[in-house]
C-alpha atoms as a PDB file:
ATOM      1  CA  MET A   1      80.378  91.575  82.923  1.00  0.00           C
ATOM      2  CA  ARG A   2      77.387  92.848  80.951  1.00  0.00           C
ATOM      3  CA  MET A   3      74.627  91.631  82.678  1.00  0.00           C
ATOM      4  CA  GLU A   4      70.806  92.771  82.168  1.00  0.00           C
ATOM      5  CA  HIS A   5      70.071  92.167  85.517  1.00  0.00           C
ATOM      6  CA  PRO A   6      72.169  93.037  88.588  1.00  0.00           C
ATOM      7  CA  TYR A   7      72.920  90.097  90.895  1.00  0.00           C
ATOM      8  CA  SER A   8      71.347  91.513  94.103  1.00  0.00           C
ATOM      9  CA  ALA A   9      68.640  93.838  92.713  1.00  0.00           C
ATOM     10  CA  GLY A  10      68.630  95.749  95.810  1.00  0.00           C
ATOM     11  CA  LEU A  11      68.863  92.661  98.030  1.00  0.00           C
ATOM     12  CA  ALA A  12      72.494  92.584  99.260  1.00  0.00           C
ATOM     13  CA  ARG A  13      71.619  93.380 103.114  1.00  0.00           C
ATOM     14  CA  TYR A  14      69.702  89.928 102.792  1.00  0.00           C
ATOM     15  CA  PHE A  15      72.146  88.048 100.904  1.00  0.00           C
ATOM     16  CA  GLN A  16      74.795  89.317 103.656  1.00  0.00           C
ATOM     17  CA  ALA A  17      72.777  87.588 106.408  1.00  0.00           C
ATOM     18  CA  PHE A  18      73.150  84.244 104.633  1.00  0.00           C
ATOM     19  CA  ALA A  19      76.931  84.484 103.268  1.00  0.00           C
ATOM     20  CA  ASN A  20      78.656  81.279 103.151  1.00  0.00           C
ATOM     21  CA  ARG A  21      81.618  82.601 105.499  1.00  0.00           C
ATOM     22  CA  GLU A  22      83.397  78.939 105.285  1.00  0.00           C
ATOM     23  CA  ARG A  23      83.504  78.974 101.599  1.00  0.00           C
ATOM     24  CA  ALA A  24      84.906  82.367 101.595  1.00  0.00           C
ATOM     25  CA  GLN A  25      87.621  81.536 103.930  1.00  0.00           C
ATOM     26  CA  ALA A  26      88.434  78.254 102.067  1.00  0.00           C
ATOM     27  CA  TYR A  27      88.865  80.655  98.801  1.00  0.00           C
ATOM     28  CA  VAL A  28      90.914  82.683 100.422  1.00  0.00           C
ATOM     29  CA  GLU A  29      93.370  80.245 101.512  1.00  0.00           C
ATOM     30  CA  LEU A  30      93.051  78.765  98.025  1.00  0.00           C
ATOM     31  CA  LEU A  31      94.295  82.209  96.654  1.00  0.00           C
ATOM     32  CA  ARG A  32      97.061  82.642  98.961  1.00  0.00           C
ATOM     33  CA  ARG A  33      98.434  79.114  98.187  1.00  0.00           C
ATOM     34  CA  ASP A  34     102.055  79.166  96.709  1.00  0.00           C
ATOM     35  CA  LEU A  35     102.180  83.102  96.648  1.00  0.00           C
ATOM     36  CA  PRO A  36     104.489  85.450  98.588  1.00  0.00           C
ATOM     37  CA  PRO A  37     102.860  87.049 101.701  1.00  0.00           C
ATOM     38  CA  GLN A  38     102.212  90.446 100.061  1.00  0.00           C
ATOM     39  CA  ALA A  39     101.398  89.438  96.696  1.00  0.00           C
ATOM     40  CA  ALA A  40      98.899  91.372  94.926  1.00  0.00           C
ATOM     41  CA  LEU A  41      95.568  89.749  93.958  1.00  0.00           C
ATOM     42  CA  LEU A  42      92.319  90.405  91.730  1.00  0.00           C
ATOM     43  CA  ASP A  43      88.936  89.241  92.644  1.00  0.00           C
ATOM     44  CA  ILE A  44      86.489  89.623  89.852  1.00  0.00           C
ATOM     45  CA  GLY A  45      82.807  89.581  90.674  1.00  0.00           C
ATOM     46  CA  ALA A  46      83.818  90.410  94.302  1.00  0.00           C
ATOM     47  CA  GLY A  47      80.093  90.436  95.352  1.00  0.00           C
ATOM     48  CA  LEU A  48      79.967  91.338  99.285  1.00  0.00           C
ATOM     49  CA  GLY A  49      83.595  91.302  99.470  1.00  0.00           C
ATOM     50  CA  GLN A  50      84.221  88.205 101.934  1.00  0.00           C
ATOM     51  CA  VAL A  51      87.054  86.837  99.810  1.00  0.00           C
ATOM     52  CA  ALA A  52      88.590  90.051  98.970  1.00  0.00           C
ATOM     53  CA  LEU A  53      88.329  91.336 102.823  1.00  0.00           C
ATOM     54  CA  GLY A  54      90.021  88.090 103.887  1.00  0.00           C
ATOM     55  CA  LEU A  55      92.804  88.598 101.501  1.00  0.00           C
ATOM     56  CA  ALA A  56      93.575  92.144 102.484  1.00  0.00           C
ATOM     57  CA  GLU A  57      93.287  91.084 106.083  1.00  0.00           C
ATOM     58  CA  ALA A  58      95.928  88.770 105.190  1.00  0.00           C
ATOM     59  CA  GLY A  59      98.247  91.414 104.123  1.00  0.00           C
ATOM     60  CA  HIS A  60      97.701  91.337 100.165  1.00  0.00           C
ATOM     61  CA  ALA A  61      96.864  94.405  97.914  1.00  0.00           C
ATOM     62  CA  VAL A  62      93.477  93.352  96.523  1.00  0.00           C
ATOM     63  CA  TRP A  63      91.570  94.790  93.630  1.00  0.00           C
ATOM     64  CA  ALA A  64      87.998  93.896  93.948  1.00  0.00           C
ATOM     65  CA  LEU A  65      85.917  94.394  90.887  1.00  0.00           C
ATOM     66  CA  GLU A  66      82.141  94.666  91.388  1.00  0.00           C
ATOM     67  CA  PRO A  67      79.566  96.033  89.242  1.00  0.00           C
ATOM     68  CA  ASP A  68      76.592  96.054  91.504  1.00  0.00           C
ATOM     69  CA  ALA A  69      76.468  99.134  93.396  1.00  0.00           C
ATOM     70  CA  ASP A  70      74.209  97.566  96.028  1.00  0.00           C
ATOM     71  CA  MET A  71      77.108  94.679  96.773  1.00  0.00           C
ATOM     72  CA  ARG A  72      79.920  97.632  96.557  1.00  0.00           C
ATOM     73  CA  THR A  73      78.007  99.456  99.357  1.00  0.00           C
ATOM     74  CA  VAL A  74      78.269  96.410 101.763  1.00  0.00           C
ATOM     75  CA  MET A  75      81.789  95.744 100.839  1.00  0.00           C
ATOM     76  CA  LEU A  76      82.906  99.201 101.408  1.00  0.00           C
ATOM     77  CA  THR A  77      80.813  99.532 104.800  1.00  0.00           C
ATOM     78  CA  LEU A  78      82.644  96.222 105.999  1.00  0.00           C
ATOM     79  CA  ALA A  79      85.957  97.594 104.864  1.00  0.00           C
ATOM     80  CA  SER A  80      85.389 101.001 106.739  1.00  0.00           C
ATOM     81  CA  GLN A  81      85.312  98.864 109.883  1.00  0.00           C
ATOM     82  CA  ARG A  82      88.799  97.716 109.054  1.00  0.00           C
ATOM     83  CA  PRO A  83      90.780 101.045 108.634  1.00  0.00           C
ATOM     84  CA  GLY A  84      93.856 100.862 106.304  1.00  0.00           C
ATOM     85  CA  LEU A  85      93.093  97.534 104.725  1.00  0.00           C
ATOM     86  CA  PRO A  86      95.157  97.504 101.066  1.00  0.00           C
ATOM     87  CA  LEU A  87      91.634  97.143  99.282  1.00  0.00           C
ATOM     88  CA  THR A  88      90.527  98.963  96.048  1.00  0.00           C
ATOM     89  CA  VAL A  89      87.009  98.629  94.982  1.00  0.00           C
ATOM     90  CA  LEU A  90      86.082  99.314  91.598  1.00  0.00           C
ATOM     91  CA  PRO A  91      82.789  99.396  89.500  1.00  0.00           C
ATOM     92  CA  TRP A  92      84.321  97.893  86.507  1.00  0.00           C
ATOM     93  CA  ARG A  93      82.100  95.737  84.021  1.00  0.00           C
ATOM     94  CA  VAL A  94      85.085  93.619  82.563  1.00  0.00           C
ATOM     95  CA  ASP A  95      85.310  92.886  78.807  1.00  0.00           C
ATOM     96  CA  ALA A  96      88.295  92.724  76.335  1.00  0.00           C
ATOM     97  CA  GLN A  97      88.625  96.351  76.156  1.00  0.00           C
ATOM     98  CA  THR A  98      88.473  97.288  80.230  1.00  0.00           C
ATOM     99  CA  PRO A  99      91.387  99.386  80.971  1.00  0.00           C
ATOM    100  CA  ASP A 100      94.243  97.444  82.450  1.00  0.00           C
ATOM    101  CA  LEU A 101      95.366  97.636  86.155  1.00  0.00           C
ATOM    102  CA  PRO A 102      98.188  99.981  87.118  1.00  0.00           C
ATOM    103  CA  THR A 103     100.292  96.924  87.932  1.00  0.00           C
ATOM    104  CA  PRO A 104     100.062  93.260  87.158  1.00  0.00           C
ATOM    105  CA  VAL A 105      98.596  90.748  90.057  1.00  0.00           C
ATOM    106  CA  ALA A 106     100.054  87.485  91.228  1.00  0.00           C
ATOM    107  CA  ALA A 107      96.833  85.744  91.124  1.00  0.00           C
ATOM    108  CA  ALA A 108      92.906  86.261  89.883  1.00  0.00           C
ATOM    109  CA  SER A 109      89.596  84.863  90.994  1.00  0.00           C
ATOM    110  CA  ALA A 110      86.288  84.663  89.219  1.00  0.00           C
ATOM    111  CA  PHE A 111      84.131  82.637  91.299  1.00  0.00           C
ATOM    112  CA  SER A 112      80.650  81.466  90.534  1.00  0.00           C
ATOM    113  CA  LEU A 113      80.597  84.251  87.855  1.00  0.00           C
ATOM    114  CA  LEU A 114      81.382  82.792  84.361  1.00  0.00           C
ATOM    115  CA  HIS A 115      78.241  80.868  83.735  1.00  0.00           C
ATOM    116  CA  LEU A 116      76.067  83.939  84.294  1.00  0.00           C
ATOM    117  CA  LEU A 117      77.822  85.842  81.171  1.00  0.00           C
ATOM    118  CA  PRO A 118      76.890  85.485  77.409  1.00  0.00           C
ATOM    119  CA  ALA A 119      79.299  83.605  75.415  1.00  0.00           C
ATOM    120  CA  GLU A 120      80.884  86.596  73.934  1.00  0.00           C
ATOM    121  CA  ALA A 121      81.454  88.197  77.340  1.00  0.00           C
ATOM    122  CA  GLN A 122      83.043  85.063  78.972  1.00  0.00           C
ATOM    123  CA  THR A 123      85.694  85.181  76.422  1.00  0.00           C
ATOM    124  CA  GLY A 124      86.218  88.784  76.997  1.00  0.00           C
ATOM    125  CA  LEU A 125      86.656  88.359  80.388  1.00  0.00           C
ATOM    126  CA  LEU A 126      89.457  85.499  80.167  1.00  0.00           C
ATOM    127  CA  THR A 127      91.091  87.722  77.555  1.00  0.00           C
ATOM    128  CA  TRP A 128      91.240  90.808  79.775  1.00  0.00           C
ATOM    129  CA  VAL A 129      92.189  88.689  83.050  1.00  0.00           C
ATOM    130  CA  ALA A 130      95.267  87.221  81.002  1.00  0.00           C
ATOM    131  CA  ARG A 131      96.638  90.731  80.478  1.00  0.00           C
ATOM    132  CA  GLN A 132      96.428  91.348  84.035  1.00  0.00           C
ATOM    133  CA  LEU A 133      98.601  88.420  85.553  1.00  0.00           C
ATOM    134  CA  GLN A 134     102.402  88.705  86.089  1.00  0.00           C
ATOM    135  CA  PRO A 135     104.445  86.158  84.205  1.00  0.00           C
ATOM    136  CA  GLY A 136     103.666  82.760  86.092  1.00  0.00           C
ATOM    137  CA  GLY A 137     100.251  84.225  87.537  1.00  0.00           C
ATOM    138  CA  TRP A 138      97.413  82.185  87.700  1.00  0.00           C
ATOM    139  CA  LEU A 139      93.439  82.328  87.621  1.00  0.00           C
ATOM    140  CA  TRP A 140      90.972  80.565  89.961  1.00  0.00           C
ATOM    141  CA  LEU A 141      87.947  80.019  88.117  1.00  0.00           C
ATOM    142  CA  GLU A 142      84.656  78.258  89.775  1.00  0.00           C
ATOM    143  CA  LEU A 143      81.603  77.305  87.881  1.00  0.00           C
ATOM    144  CA  PRO A 144      78.931  74.683  87.306  1.00  0.00           C
ATOM    145  CA  MET A 145      79.145  71.531  85.260  1.00  0.00           C
ATOM    146  CA  GLN A 146      76.517  69.608  83.613  1.00  0.00           C
ATOM    147  CA  SER A 147      75.813  66.726  86.007  1.00  0.00           C
ATOM    148  CA  PRO A 148      73.156  64.101  86.946  1.00  0.00           C
ATOM    149  CA  GLU A 149      73.651  65.089  90.668  1.00  0.00           C
ATOM    150  CA  ARG A 150      71.821  68.734  89.922  1.00  0.00           C
ATOM    151  CA  VAL A 151      68.112  68.026  90.278  1.00  0.00           C
ATOM    152  CA  ALA A 152      65.331  70.453  90.019  1.00  0.00           C
ATOM    153  CA  GLY A 153      63.143  70.749  93.154  1.00  0.00           C
ATOM    154  CA  ASP A 154      60.369  73.026  95.122  1.00  0.00           C
ATOM    155  CA  TRP A 155      61.291  75.690  97.721  1.00  0.00           C
ATOM    156  CA  GLN A 156      63.829  74.669 100.289  1.00  0.00           C
ATOM    157  CA  LEU A 157      64.466  76.356 103.404  1.00  0.00           C
ATOM    158  CA  TYR A 158      68.372  77.372 103.344  1.00  0.00           C
ATOM    159  CA  GLY A 159      68.280  79.159 106.756  1.00  0.00           C
ATOM    160  CA  GLU A 160      66.782  81.697 109.253  1.00  0.00           C
ATOM    161  CA  ARG A 161      68.556  84.463 110.969  1.00  0.00           C
ATOM    162  CA  THR A 162      67.406  87.049 113.765  1.00  0.00           C
ATOM    163  CA  GLN A 163      67.442  90.368 112.294  1.00  0.00           C
ATOM    164  CA  GLY A 164      66.350  93.211 114.546  1.00  0.00           C
ATOM    165  CA  ALA A 165      63.293  92.389 116.410  1.00  0.00           C
ATOM    166  CA  GLY A 166      62.110  89.990 113.582  1.00  0.00           C
ATOM    167  CA  ARG A 167      63.320  86.664 111.970  1.00  0.00           C
ATOM    168  CA  LEU A 168      64.510  86.518 108.389  1.00  0.00           C
ATOM    169  CA  SER A 169      64.217  83.434 106.476  1.00  0.00           C
ATOM    170  CA  MET A 170      65.801  82.368 103.030  1.00  0.00           C
ATOM    171  CA  ARG A 171      64.399  79.950 100.609  1.00  0.00           C
ATOM    172  CA  THR A 172      66.001  78.784  97.556  1.00  0.00           C
ATOM    173  CA  ARG A 173      64.265  76.878  94.403  1.00  0.00           C
ATOM    174  CA  LEU A 174      66.042  75.098  91.521  1.00  0.00           C
ATOM    175  CA  GLN A 175      64.021  74.509  88.115  1.00  0.00           C
ATOM    176  CA  GLY A 176      65.139  73.493  84.835  1.00  0.00           C
ATOM    177  CA  SER A 177      67.476  70.986  83.300  1.00  0.00           C
ATOM    178  CA  ASP A 178      71.069  70.602  81.904  1.00  0.00           C
ATOM    179  CA  ALA A 179      69.524  70.454  78.176  1.00  0.00           C
ATOM    180  CA  GLN A 180      67.062  73.789  78.875  1.00  0.00           C
ATOM    181  CA  GLY A 181      69.257  75.597  81.197  1.00  0.00           C
ATOM    182  CA  TRP A 182      68.557  76.372  84.821  1.00  0.00           C
ATOM    183  CA  ARG A 183      66.898  78.982  86.921  1.00  0.00           C
ATOM    184  CA  THR A 184      67.599  79.529  90.630  1.00  0.00           C
ATOM    185  CA  SER A 185      65.464  81.623  92.817  1.00  0.00           C
ATOM    186  CA  TRP A 186      65.938  83.260  96.376  1.00  0.00           C
ATOM    187  CA  ARG A 187      62.870  84.299  98.369  1.00  0.00           C
ATOM    188  CA  PHE A 188      63.448  86.349 101.596  1.00  0.00           C
ATOM    189  CA  GLU A 189      60.882  87.028 104.355  1.00  0.00           C
ATOM    190  CA  LEU A 190      60.939  89.030 107.541  1.00  0.00           C
ATOM    191  CA  ARG A 191      58.420  88.058 110.181  1.00  0.00           C
ATOM    192  CA  LEU A 192      57.537  90.174 113.305  1.00  0.00           C
ATOM    193  CA  GLY A 193      55.178  90.002 116.233  1.00  0.00           C
ATOM    194  CA  PRO A 194      54.008  87.000 117.997  1.00  0.00           C
ATOM    195  CA  HIS A 195      51.994  85.765 115.066  1.00  0.00           C
ATOM    196  CA  GLY A 196      54.893  85.933 112.834  1.00  0.00           C
ATOM    197  CA  SER A 197      53.100  88.302 110.154  1.00  0.00           C
ATOM    198  CA  VAL A 198      55.474  89.264 107.207  1.00  0.00           C
ATOM    199  CA  VAL A 199      56.552  92.749 107.219  1.00  0.00           C
ATOM    200  CA  GLU A 200      58.990  92.479 104.409  1.00  0.00           C
ATOM    201  CA  GLU A 201      59.455  90.027 101.312  1.00  0.00           C
ATOM    202  CA  ALA A 202      61.473  89.820  98.310  1.00  0.00           C
ATOM    203  CA  GLU A 203      62.303  87.417  95.751  1.00  0.00           C
ATOM    204  CA  GLN A 204      65.290  87.441  93.178  1.00  0.00           C
ATOM    205  CA  ARG A 205      66.171  84.852  90.339  1.00  0.00           C
ATOM    206  CA  TRP A 206      68.286  84.495  87.388  1.00  0.00           C
ATOM    207  CA  HIS A 207      68.965  81.915  84.632  1.00  0.00           C
ATOM    208  CA  TRP A 208      72.103  80.196  83.872  1.00  0.00           C
ATOM    209  CA  GLN A 209      73.535  77.195  81.866  1.00  0.00           C
ATOM    210  CA  ALA A 210      75.971  74.487  83.110  1.00  0.00           C
ATOM    211  CA  LEU A 211      78.914  73.880  81.097  1.00  0.00           C
ATOM    212  CA  THR A 212      79.869  70.686  79.552  1.00  0.00           C
ATOM    213  CA  PRO A 213      83.587  69.619  79.662  1.00  0.00           C
ATOM    214  CA  ASP A 214      83.829  70.132  76.073  1.00  0.00           C
ATOM    215  CA  ALA A 215      82.265  73.615  75.929  1.00  0.00           C
ATOM    216  CA  LEU A 216      84.625  74.688  78.768  1.00  0.00           C
ATOM    217  CA  GLN A 217      87.550  73.081  76.828  1.00  0.00           C
ATOM    218  CA  ALA A 218      86.459  75.204  73.767  1.00  0.00           C
ATOM    219  CA  LEU A 219      86.308  78.361  75.724  1.00  0.00           C
ATOM    220  CA  LEU A 220      89.685  78.023  77.475  1.00  0.00           C
ATOM    221  CA  ALA A 221      91.377  77.547  73.929  1.00  0.00           C
ATOM    222  CA  LYS A 222      90.175  80.915  72.939  1.00  0.00           C
ATOM    223  CA  GLY A 223      92.373  84.191  73.241  1.00  0.00           C
ATOM    224  CA  PRO A 224      95.783  83.561  74.766  1.00  0.00           C
ATOM    225  CA  GLY A 225      94.734  80.041  75.770  1.00  0.00           C
ATOM    226  CA  TRP A 226      94.948  78.535  79.326  1.00  0.00           C
ATOM    227  CA  GLN A 227      96.915  75.670  80.699  1.00  0.00           C
ATOM    228  CA  VAL A 228      95.104  73.880  83.666  1.00  0.00           C
ATOM    229  CA  LEU A 229      97.199  73.309  86.763  1.00  0.00           C
ATOM    230  CA  ASP A 230      94.536  72.017  89.343  1.00  0.00           C
ATOM    231  CA  ASP A 231      91.288  70.500  88.358  1.00  0.00           C
ATOM    232  CA  TRP A 232      89.028  70.022  91.435  1.00  0.00           C
ATOM    233  CA  ALA A 233      85.373  69.430  92.293  1.00  0.00           C
ATOM    234  CA  ASP A 234      85.335  71.525  95.105  1.00  0.00           C
ATOM    235  CA  GLU A 235      87.478  74.278  97.356  1.00  0.00           C
ATOM    236  CA  HIS A 236      88.690  71.170  99.401  1.00  0.00           C
ATOM    237  CA  GLY A 237      90.844  69.382  96.426  1.00  0.00           C
ATOM    238  CA  THR A 238      88.414  66.650  95.666  1.00  0.00           C
ATOM    239  CA  PRO A 239      89.223  65.476  92.066  1.00  0.00           C
ATOM    240  CA  TYR A 240      86.872  66.566  89.501  1.00  0.00           C
ATOM    241  CA  ARG A 241      84.886  63.706  87.981  1.00  0.00           C
ATOM    242  CA  ALA A 242      83.991  64.402  84.427  1.00  0.00           C
ATOM    243  CA  GLY A 243      80.096  63.997  84.112  1.00  0.00           C
ATOM    244  CA  THR A 244      79.526  63.421  87.299  1.00  0.00           C
ATOM    245  CA  SER A 245      80.686  66.414  89.805  1.00  0.00           C
ATOM    246  CA  PRO A 246      78.261  69.473  89.845  1.00  0.00           C
ATOM    247  CA  ARG A 247      81.090  71.855  90.366  1.00  0.00           C
ATOM    248  CA  ARG A 248      84.536  72.423  88.883  1.00  0.00           C
ATOM    249  CA  LEU A 249      87.353  74.618  90.654  1.00  0.00           C
ATOM    250  CA  LEU A 250      90.256  75.261  87.938  1.00  0.00           C
ATOM    251  CA  ARG A 251      93.605  76.871  88.466  1.00  0.00           C
ATOM    252  CA  LEU A 252      94.688  78.107  85.165  1.00  0.00           C
ATOM    253  CA  MET A 253      97.858  79.836  83.689  1.00  0.00           C
ATOM    254  CA  PRO A 254      97.838  81.631  80.450  1.00  0.00           C
ATOM    255  CA  ARG A 255      99.808  79.663  77.935  1.00  0.00           C
END
């Protein structure tokens, strides 16, 4: 995953405070579906490690790949609080030439990752993942699709949390369009004292492009090619609606 700008840019501790634990647990259950109890799994772009840790706690041997050192630090700190977890954290940036895992895995995941990569890196990642899967293994892929339901807007409060003696807030903003591409921004403010003076503030943003159904189909036809087993609009199994659903969650198997 060759990205010019790290995902967290040193802000992993802020992102951790607002992590979506319900969605992470839904992804854990999704990956475990139809798998033997101790099947080995691969989580690419593991981030803070919520999914990888949940899988390891359930007894699965997990390979968690995350190139961002700040995110890995959070993941390893959380893992250290649970001694004996079958979790291996690697700083790999995946492309077609990345070394293979020591043993194949039963399933893999790449949640909210592919759209952040250049086109050649997308193909390289899918080529590498296909080599890591056992015969009959599959990949769960989650990504944004072009949709009229996605609308640009100004800053919105995502949430607030108590942090130490202060109050941490997170705001988000979405700018752009399907035609021009999108920019998502996050702003964090930590306020202390009776008047709520700001003592820490930080902002991070990145550009990304939502995919069209045709572009995704062309991507999945490259390399080994992929067969679609499940095609959902969310982690709850809502059927995907082309041209309408802003998210797409696919279970894929190499051809």
